[in-house]
Amino acid sequence: MIRLKPNHIEDYLMKLHQGQWFSWSDPSNKVYENLIILDDSKTKPTEQECIDGLAQLVADFDARIDLRASAKAKLIAGEALTEDEANVLIGG
């Protein structure tokens, strides 16, 4: 499965809870100020939590890409893979 690099706080929000728990007061302008919570059982994360959460998703994505590249290089060179490298290749 091809995953796109996270690039918007919406990517972070979708990871927080299942279902349609949030929306935007202006769908053409998806900024924090327009974030609305639809599910009363959920709390609105702070803007900083959204910024930090997105930054962590990007860092995790980049680390996974680096790990895949390392695993590929080792396979081509006939070297043994670490468990993490093997898992990233087989989706573990």
N, C-alpha and C. Protein backbone atom coordinates (compact mmCIF):
# COMPACT_ATOMS: atom_id res chain seq x y z
N MET A 1 0.84 -1.17 0.00
CA MET A 1 0.00 0.00 0.00
C MET A 1 0.89 1.24 0.00
N ILE A 2 0.59 2.17 -0.89
CA ILE A 2 1.35 3.41 -0.96
C ILE A 2 0.72 4.42 0.00
N ARG A 3 1.55 4.96 0.85
CA ARG A 3 1.09 5.97 1.80
C ARG A 3 1.66 7.31 1.39
N LEU A 4 0.80 8.32 1.46
CA LEU A 4 1.25 9.67 1.16
C LEU A 4 1.80 10.32 2.43
N LYS A 5 2.77 11.17 2.24
CA LYS A 5 3.38 11.86 3.37
C LYS A 5 2.36 12.80 4.01
N PRO A 6 2.19 12.72 5.32
CA PRO A 6 1.27 13.63 6.01
C PRO A 6 1.69 15.07 5.77
N ASN A 7 0.71 15.95 5.52
CA ASN A 7 1.07 17.33 5.25
C ASN A 7 0.04 18.34 5.75
N HIS A 8 -0.91 17.87 6.55
CA HIS A 8 -1.96 18.77 7.03
C HIS A 8 -2.45 18.28 8.39
N ILE A 9 -2.92 19.22 9.22
CA ILE A 9 -3.39 18.79 10.55
C ILE A 9 -4.55 17.79 10.44
N GLU A 10 -5.23 17.79 9.32
CA GLU A 10 -6.31 16.82 9.12
C GLU A 10 -5.76 15.39 9.18
N ASP A 11 -4.54 15.18 8.71
CA ASP A 11 -3.90 13.86 8.80
C ASP A 11 -3.75 13.44 10.25
N TYR A 12 -3.36 14.38 11.10
CA TYR A 12 -3.23 14.10 12.53
C TYR A 12 -4.61 13.84 13.16
N LEU A 13 -5.57 14.68 12.84
CA LEU A 13 -6.91 14.54 13.42
C LEU A 13 -7.54 13.18 13.10
N MET A 14 -7.30 12.70 11.88
CA MET A 14 -7.87 11.40 11.48
C MET A 14 -7.26 10.25 12.27
N LYS A 15 -6.06 10.45 12.80
CA LYS A 15 -5.41 9.41 13.61
C LYS A 15 -5.90 9.39 15.06
N LEU A 16 -6.50 10.50 15.51
CA LEU A 16 -6.89 10.60 16.92
C LEU A 16 -8.07 9.70 17.27
N HIS A 17 -9.10 9.68 16.42
CA HIS A 17 -10.33 8.95 16.71
C HIS A 17 -10.90 8.36 15.43
N GLN A 18 -11.73 7.35 15.58
CA GLN A 18 -12.42 6.73 14.45
C GLN A 18 -13.66 7.53 14.09
N GLY A 19 -14.10 7.42 12.87
CA GLY A 19 -15.35 8.02 12.45
C GLY A 19 -15.25 9.51 12.17
N GLN A 20 -16.39 10.08 11.83
CA GLN A 20 -16.46 11.50 11.50
C GLN A 20 -16.71 12.32 12.76
N TRP A 21 -15.68 12.56 13.52
CA TRP A 21 -15.80 13.28 14.79
C TRP A 21 -15.49 14.76 14.68
N PHE A 22 -14.94 15.18 13.53
CA PHE A 22 -14.62 16.60 13.32
C PHE A 22 -15.01 17.00 11.92
N SER A 23 -15.09 18.30 11.71
CA SER A 23 -15.34 18.86 10.39
C SER A 23 -14.74 20.26 10.35
N TRP A 24 -15.06 20.97 9.30
CA TRP A 24 -14.54 22.33 9.11
C TRP A 24 -15.72 23.26 8.87
N SER A 25 -15.72 24.41 9.53
CA SER A 25 -16.78 25.39 9.30
C SER A 25 -16.69 25.96 7.89
N ASP A 26 -15.50 25.94 7.30
CA ASP A 26 -15.29 26.35 5.91
C ASP A 26 -14.41 25.29 5.25
N PRO A 27 -15.04 24.30 4.58
CA PRO A 27 -14.26 23.20 4.00
C PRO A 27 -13.22 23.63 2.96
N SER A 28 -13.36 24.81 2.42
CA SER A 28 -12.37 25.28 1.44
C SER A 28 -11.19 25.98 2.13
N ASN A 29 -11.28 26.12 3.46
CA ASN A 29 -10.21 26.76 4.22
C ASN A 29 -9.99 25.96 5.50
N LYS A 30 -9.31 24.84 5.36
CA LYS A 30 -9.11 23.92 6.47
C LYS A 30 -7.94 24.35 7.34
N VAL A 31 -8.22 25.33 8.19
CA VAL A 31 -7.25 25.83 9.15
C VAL A 31 -7.81 25.58 10.54
N TYR A 32 -6.93 25.62 11.54
CA TYR A 32 -7.35 25.29 12.90
C TYR A 32 -8.55 26.12 13.35
N GLU A 33 -8.57 27.38 13.01
CA GLU A 33 -9.66 28.26 13.44
C GLU A 33 -11.01 27.78 12.93
N ASN A 34 -11.02 27.02 11.84
CA ASN A 34 -12.27 26.52 11.26
C ASN A 34 -12.59 25.08 11.68
N LEU A 35 -11.80 24.52 12.57
CA LEU A 35 -12.03 23.16 13.05
C LEU A 35 -13.22 23.14 14.00
N ILE A 36 -14.16 22.24 13.73
CA ILE A 36 -15.31 22.06 14.63
C ILE A 36 -15.40 20.59 15.03
N ILE A 37 -15.84 20.36 16.24
CA ILE A 37 -15.97 19.01 16.77
C ILE A 37 -17.44 18.61 16.68
N LEU A 38 -17.71 17.48 16.03
CA LEU A 38 -19.07 17.00 15.82
C LEU A 38 -19.53 16.06 16.92
N ASP A 39 -18.59 15.39 17.55
CA ASP A 39 -18.89 14.36 18.56
C ASP A 39 -18.65 14.94 19.95
N ASP A 40 -19.72 15.09 20.72
CA ASP A 40 -19.62 15.69 22.06
C ASP A 40 -18.73 14.90 23.01
N SER A 41 -18.46 13.64 22.70
CA SER A 41 -17.61 12.84 23.58
C SER A 41 -16.12 13.08 23.31
N LYS A 42 -15.81 13.87 22.29
CA LYS A 42 -14.42 14.17 21.93
C LYS A 42 -14.12 15.63 22.27
N THR A 43 -12.89 15.89 22.66
CA THR A 43 -12.47 17.25 22.94
C THR A 43 -11.63 17.78 21.79
N LYS A 44 -11.68 19.07 21.60
CA LYS A 44 -10.91 19.70 20.53
C LYS A 44 -9.45 19.80 20.98
N PRO A 45 -8.54 19.21 20.20
CA PRO A 45 -7.13 19.34 20.56
C PRO A 45 -6.70 20.80 20.38
N THR A 46 -5.68 21.18 21.10
CA THR A 46 -5.17 22.53 20.94
C THR A 46 -4.47 22.65 19.58
N GLU A 47 -4.28 23.88 19.16
CA GLU A 47 -3.57 24.09 17.90
C GLU A 47 -2.15 23.53 17.99
N GLN A 48 -1.51 23.72 19.15
CA GLN A 48 -0.15 23.21 19.32
C GLN A 48 -0.12 21.69 19.28
N GLU A 49 -1.12 21.03 19.85
CA GLU A 49 -1.20 19.57 19.77
C GLU A 49 -1.31 19.12 18.32
N CYS A 50 -2.07 19.85 17.52
CA CYS A 50 -2.20 19.52 16.10
C CYS A 50 -0.88 19.71 15.37
N ILE A 51 -0.20 20.80 15.66
CA ILE A 51 1.10 21.08 15.03
C ILE A 51 2.12 20.01 15.42
N ASP A 52 2.19 19.72 16.72
CA ASP A 52 3.13 18.70 17.21
C ASP A 52 2.78 17.31 16.69
N GLY A 53 1.49 17.00 16.66
CA GLY A 53 1.05 15.70 16.16
C GLY A 53 1.39 15.50 14.70
N LEU A 54 1.18 16.54 13.90
CA LEU A 54 1.54 16.46 12.48
C LEU A 54 3.05 16.32 12.33
N ALA A 55 3.81 17.07 13.10
CA ALA A 55 5.27 16.98 13.03
C ALA A 55 5.74 15.56 13.36
N GLN A 56 5.11 14.92 14.33
CA GLN A 56 5.48 13.55 14.69
C GLN A 56 5.12 12.57 13.56
N LEU A 57 3.95 12.77 12.95
CA LEU A 57 3.57 11.92 11.81
C LEU A 57 4.57 12.04 10.67
N VAL A 58 5.02 13.26 10.39
CA VAL A 58 6.00 13.49 9.33
C VAL A 58 7.33 12.82 9.69
N ALA A 59 7.76 12.97 10.94
CA ALA A 59 9.02 12.36 11.38
C ALA A 59 8.94 10.84 11.29
N ASP A 60 7.81 10.27 11.70
CA ASP A 60 7.63 8.82 11.62
C ASP A 60 7.63 8.35 10.17
N PHE A 61 6.97 9.10 9.30
CA PHE A 61 6.94 8.77 7.88
C PHE A 61 8.34 8.78 7.29
N ASP A 62 9.08 9.86 7.59
CA ASP A 62 10.45 9.98 7.07
C ASP A 62 11.35 8.86 7.59
N ALA A 63 11.20 8.51 8.86
CA ALA A 63 12.01 7.42 9.43
C ALA A 63 11.70 6.10 8.74
N ARG A 64 10.43 5.89 8.44
CA ARG A 64 10.02 4.66 7.76
C ARG A 64 10.60 4.60 6.34
N ILE A 65 10.61 5.74 5.66
CA ILE A 65 11.20 5.80 4.32
C ILE A 65 12.70 5.50 4.39
N ASP A 66 13.38 6.10 5.37
CA ASP A 66 14.82 5.84 5.55
C ASP A 66 15.08 4.37 5.84
N LEU A 67 14.23 3.77 6.66
CA LEU A 67 14.39 2.36 7.01
C LEU A 67 14.18 1.47 5.79
N ARG A 68 13.21 1.81 4.96
CA ARG A 68 12.98 1.05 3.72
C ARG A 68 14.19 1.15 2.80
N ALA A 69 14.77 2.35 2.69
CA ALA A 69 15.94 2.53 1.83
C ALA A 69 17.11 1.73 2.34
N SER A 70 17.29 1.71 3.65
CA SER A 70 18.37 0.93 4.26
C SER A 70 18.17 -0.56 4.00
N ALA A 71 16.95 -1.02 4.16
CA ALA A 71 16.65 -2.44 3.95
C ALA A 71 16.90 -2.82 2.48
N LYS A 72 16.47 -1.96 1.57
CA LYS A 72 16.67 -2.24 0.14
C LYS A 72 18.16 -2.33 -0.19
N ALA A 73 18.94 -1.39 0.34
CA ALA A 73 20.38 -1.39 0.07
C ALA A 73 21.03 -2.66 0.62
N LYS A 74 20.60 -3.08 1.80
CA LYS A 74 21.16 -4.30 2.38
C LYS A 74 20.78 -5.54 1.58
N LEU A 75 19.54 -5.59 1.11
CA LEU A 75 19.13 -6.73 0.29
C LEU A 75 19.95 -6.80 -0.99
N ILE A 76 20.16 -5.68 -1.62
CA ILE A 76 20.95 -5.65 -2.85
C ILE A 76 22.39 -6.09 -2.58
N ALA A 77 22.92 -5.70 -1.42
CA ALA A 77 24.30 -6.05 -1.06
C ALA A 77 24.40 -7.44 -0.46
N GLY A 78 23.27 -8.11 -0.24
CA GLY A 78 23.28 -9.44 0.34
C GLY A 78 23.55 -9.44 1.83
N GLU A 79 23.26 -8.35 2.50
CA GLU A 79 23.50 -8.25 3.94
C GLU A 79 22.23 -8.60 4.71
N ALA A 80 22.44 -8.96 5.97
CA ALA A 80 21.31 -9.29 6.83
C ALA A 80 20.55 -8.02 7.22
N LEU A 81 19.23 -8.17 7.35
CA LEU A 81 18.38 -7.05 7.75
C LEU A 81 18.15 -7.08 9.25
N THR A 82 17.94 -5.89 9.83
CA THR A 82 17.50 -5.84 11.21
C THR A 82 16.02 -6.23 11.24
N GLU A 83 15.52 -6.51 12.42
CA GLU A 83 14.10 -6.85 12.54
C GLU A 83 13.22 -5.69 12.07
N ASP A 84 13.59 -4.47 12.42
CA ASP A 84 12.81 -3.30 11.99
C ASP A 84 12.82 -3.16 10.47
N GLU A 85 13.96 -3.40 9.85
CA GLU A 85 14.04 -3.32 8.39
C GLU A 85 13.18 -4.38 7.75
N ALA A 86 13.20 -5.58 8.28
CA ALA A 86 12.37 -6.66 7.74
C ALA A 86 10.89 -6.32 7.89
N ASN A 87 10.54 -5.80 9.07
CA ASN A 87 9.13 -5.45 9.32
C ASN A 87 8.63 -4.36 8.39
N VAL A 88 9.46 -3.37 8.11
CA VAL A 88 9.03 -2.29 7.25
C VAL A 88 8.80 -2.78 5.83
N LEU A 89 9.52 -3.82 5.43
CA LEU A 89 9.34 -4.37 4.08
C LEU A 89 8.12 -5.27 3.97
N ILE A 90 7.78 -5.97 5.04
CA ILE A 90 6.65 -6.89 4.96
C ILE A 90 5.40 -6.34 5.62
N GLY A 91 5.47 -5.10 6.07
CA GLY A 91 4.28 -4.49 6.66
C GLY A 91 4.03 -4.86 8.10
N GLY A 92 5.06 -5.34 8.80
CA GLY A 92 4.89 -5.74 10.19
C GLY A 92 4.99 -4.62 11.16
